[in-house]
Amino acid sequence: MIKKWIIIISILLIIVFNVFSQSNEKLELTKYSGTIKQIAGNWFLNTGEDIIELSLAPDEFLKENKIELTSKMELSVNGILQEDKLVVHSLIIEDLEIMIRDGSGEALWDIKPYYVIPDKCIGCRLCVSPCPQDAITMVKGVAVIDADKCDGDGICVLGDGKKYKGCPVDAIKQSE
């Protein structure tokens, strides 16, 4: 009987050890270099072998930190490839490394997501497709912004610099 309990406890300890050892795995940063290009509000890195979408900081954070990105600019980035995007932790511009995420991958900027004032929204749907994060959906004829997806870039308010000029009735505001 005692032998059975020892075997059961040993198996449970092995399972617990495996669960904890897998959850503490540290993802390794990988360095990529190439030229960048902005397409429809999103940045892409052409490495010569592949084109990778970059998950960068919001434009506001980049401007505040005097990080000016331009199409066809040579750039190196350190990041972690997740799904189809490279989550950028640092940019290397002219041998200067600029951190945009800390060692654990947490953003170094405060994201102030946008929200919709339901009474003001006229349900025009103009804000839905320009959002590069797909954070805006329609619920019962009113736009709703998913704060977890919103990166605070302000396209919904300011427009995309093309056809969409921003909310026509000023129904979208930024959290304080």
Protein backbone atom coordinates (compact mmCIF):
# COMPACT_ATOMS: atom_id res chain seq x y z
CA MET A 1 0.00 0.00 0.00
CA ILE A 2 2.80 2.42 0.93
CA LYS A 3 4.57 1.56 -2.33
CA LYS A 4 1.48 2.64 -4.34
CA TRP A 5 1.34 5.98 -2.50
CA ILE A 6 5.02 6.61 -3.14
CA ILE A 7 4.52 5.94 -6.87
CA ILE A 8 1.45 8.22 -7.03
CA ILE A 9 3.22 11.04 -5.17
CA SER A 10 6.29 10.64 -7.39
CA ILE A 11 4.16 10.91 -10.54
CA LEU A 12 2.39 14.01 -9.18
CA LEU A 13 5.73 15.64 -8.32
CA ILE A 14 7.03 14.96 -11.83
CA ILE A 15 3.90 16.51 -13.36
CA VAL A 16 4.12 19.60 -11.11
CA PHE A 17 7.82 19.99 -11.87
CA ASN A 18 7.17 19.81 -15.63
CA VAL A 19 4.39 22.41 -15.45
CA PHE A 20 6.53 24.89 -13.49
CA SER A 21 9.65 24.34 -15.56
CA GLN A 22 7.72 25.01 -18.80
CA SER A 23 6.04 28.15 -17.48
CA ASN A 24 9.41 29.67 -16.56
CA GLU A 25 10.86 29.27 -20.05
CA LYS A 26 12.43 32.51 -21.18
CA LEU A 27 11.94 33.45 -24.79
CA GLU A 28 15.13 34.47 -26.53
CA LEU A 29 15.37 37.78 -28.33
CA THR A 30 16.43 37.53 -31.95
CA LYS A 31 18.13 40.26 -33.95
CA TYR A 32 16.80 41.11 -37.41
CA SER A 33 18.17 43.72 -39.81
CA GLY A 34 16.89 45.22 -43.01
CA THR A 35 14.92 48.12 -44.44
CA ILE A 36 11.59 49.22 -43.04
CA LYS A 37 8.47 50.34 -44.84
CA GLN A 38 5.13 51.58 -43.58
CA ILE A 39 2.07 50.10 -45.26
CA ALA A 40 -1.45 51.06 -44.16
CA GLY A 41 -0.19 52.36 -40.81
CA ASN A 42 1.84 49.22 -40.01
CA TRP A 43 5.63 48.90 -40.17
CA PHE A 44 7.32 46.01 -41.96
CA LEU A 45 10.96 44.93 -41.99
CA ASN A 46 12.40 43.55 -45.24
CA THR A 47 15.36 41.37 -44.25
CA GLY A 48 16.14 40.43 -47.84
CA GLU A 49 14.88 36.92 -47.16
CA ASP A 50 11.56 37.69 -45.52
CA ILE A 51 9.15 40.54 -44.83
CA ILE A 52 8.11 40.70 -41.17
CA GLU A 53 5.41 42.88 -39.63
CA LEU A 54 6.73 44.80 -36.63
CA SER A 55 4.85 45.36 -33.40
CA LEU A 56 6.33 48.68 -32.29
CA ALA A 57 5.42 51.31 -29.75
CA PRO A 58 2.63 53.78 -30.53
CA ASP A 59 3.64 56.76 -32.71
CA GLU A 60 3.18 59.10 -29.73
CA PHE A 61 5.81 57.19 -27.72
CA LEU A 62 8.21 57.15 -30.67
CA LYS A 63 7.84 60.92 -31.16
CA GLU A 64 8.28 61.67 -27.44
CA ASN A 65 11.53 59.69 -27.49
CA LYS A 66 12.74 61.32 -30.72
CA ILE A 67 12.58 58.06 -32.66
CA GLU A 68 11.90 59.00 -36.26
CA LEU A 69 11.22 56.11 -38.59
CA THR A 70 11.04 56.56 -42.35
CA SER A 71 10.38 54.13 -45.19
CA LYS A 72 13.51 52.60 -46.73
CA MET A 73 15.45 53.29 -43.51
CA GLU A 74 18.07 50.68 -42.56
CA LEU A 75 17.29 49.30 -39.13
CA SER A 76 18.15 46.47 -36.75
CA VAL A 77 15.64 45.28 -34.19
CA ASN A 78 15.70 42.85 -31.29
CA GLY A 79 12.45 41.06 -30.65
CA ILE A 80 10.45 37.90 -30.32
CA LEU A 81 8.58 36.46 -33.29
CA GLN A 82 5.02 35.68 -32.19
CA GLU A 83 2.56 34.37 -34.73
CA ASP A 84 3.08 36.60 -37.78
CA LYS A 85 4.51 39.65 -35.98
CA LEU A 86 7.86 40.54 -34.49
CA VAL A 87 7.27 42.04 -31.05
CA VAL A 88 10.09 44.59 -30.97
CA HIS A 89 11.93 45.05 -27.67
CA SER A 90 14.60 47.43 -28.95
CA LEU A 91 15.56 49.36 -32.07
CA ILE A 92 19.16 49.77 -33.14
CA ILE A 93 19.64 52.96 -35.14
CA GLU A 94 23.19 54.02 -36.07
CA ASP A 95 24.71 51.75 -33.36
CA LEU A 96 22.43 53.25 -30.69
CA GLU A 97 20.09 50.75 -29.00
CA ILE A 98 16.75 52.23 -27.97
CA MET A 99 14.61 50.14 -25.63
CA ILE A 100 10.84 50.17 -26.17
CA ARG A 101 10.04 47.18 -23.94
CA ASP A 102 11.72 46.03 -20.74
CA GLY A 103 13.45 42.68 -20.22
CA SER A 104 10.17 40.90 -19.53
CA GLY A 105 8.52 42.35 -22.66
CA GLU A 106 6.37 44.92 -20.87
CA ALA A 107 5.81 48.14 -22.77
CA LEU A 108 7.75 51.20 -21.61
CA TRP A 109 4.89 53.48 -22.59
CA ASP A 110 1.55 54.10 -20.95
CA ILE A 111 -1.17 53.09 -23.35
CA LYS A 112 -4.13 55.37 -23.04
CA PRO A 113 -6.82 53.51 -24.97
CA TYR A 114 -9.69 55.23 -26.68
CA TYR A 115 -13.37 54.70 -25.93
CA VAL A 116 -16.67 55.60 -27.60
CA ILE A 117 -19.33 57.82 -26.06
CA PRO A 118 -22.39 55.72 -26.99
CA ASP A 119 -24.88 58.62 -26.98
CA LYS A 120 -22.77 60.50 -29.52
CA CYS A 121 -22.01 57.56 -31.86
CA ILE A 122 -24.19 57.60 -34.99
CA GLY A 123 -23.20 54.06 -36.04
CA CYS A 124 -21.58 55.15 -39.31
CA ARG A 125 -18.92 52.37 -39.06
CA LEU A 126 -16.26 54.66 -40.56
CA CYS A 127 -13.84 54.00 -37.68
CA VAL A 128 -13.97 50.19 -37.89
CA SER A 129 -11.77 49.36 -40.90
CA PRO A 130 -9.01 52.01 -40.46
CA CYS A 131 -8.07 50.64 -37.02
CA PRO A 132 -4.84 48.65 -37.61
CA GLN A 133 -5.37 46.66 -34.38
CA ASP A 134 -8.95 45.57 -35.24
CA ALA A 135 -9.93 46.99 -31.84
CA ILE A 136 -13.22 48.55 -33.00
CA THR A 137 -16.40 46.54 -33.53
CA MET A 138 -20.05 47.41 -33.79
CA VAL A 139 -22.43 46.30 -31.05
CA LYS A 140 -26.12 47.05 -31.52
CA GLY A 141 -25.30 49.85 -33.96
CA VAL A 142 -22.69 51.53 -31.73
CA ALA A 143 -18.91 51.41 -32.10
CA VAL A 144 -17.10 49.70 -29.22
CA ILE A 145 -13.33 49.82 -28.69
CA ASP A 146 -11.61 46.83 -27.07
CA ALA A 147 -9.17 48.48 -24.64
CA ASP A 148 -6.96 45.36 -24.62
CA LYS A 149 -6.43 45.62 -28.38
CA CYS A 150 -6.22 49.42 -28.60
CA ASP A 151 -2.63 50.64 -28.89
CA GLY A 152 -3.54 54.30 -28.41
CA ASP A 153 -2.39 55.37 -31.88
CA GLY A 154 -5.43 57.66 -32.31
CA ILE A 155 -6.28 56.78 -35.90
CA CYS A 156 -9.93 56.50 -34.84
CA VAL A 157 -9.88 60.17 -33.78
CA LEU A 158 -7.21 61.77 -35.97
CA GLY A 159 -7.75 59.79 -39.16
CA ASP A 160 -5.38 57.66 -41.18
CA GLY A 161 -3.93 60.40 -43.38
CA LYS A 162 -5.83 59.04 -46.35
CA LYS A 163 -9.59 58.86 -46.84
CA TYR A 164 -10.63 58.50 -43.19
CA LYS A 165 -10.51 61.86 -41.39
CA GLY A 166 -11.50 60.66 -37.92
CA CYS A 167 -14.83 60.33 -36.15
CA PRO A 168 -17.25 62.75 -37.85
CA VAL A 169 -19.24 63.41 -34.66
CA ASP A 170 -16.39 63.49 -32.12
CA ALA A 171 -17.76 60.41 -30.32
CA ILE A 172 -14.33 58.90 -29.59
CA LYS A 173 -12.20 60.08 -26.65
CA GLN A 174 -8.93 58.98 -25.09
CA SER A 175 -8.78 57.65 -21.54
CA GLU A 176 -7.04 59.90 -19.05
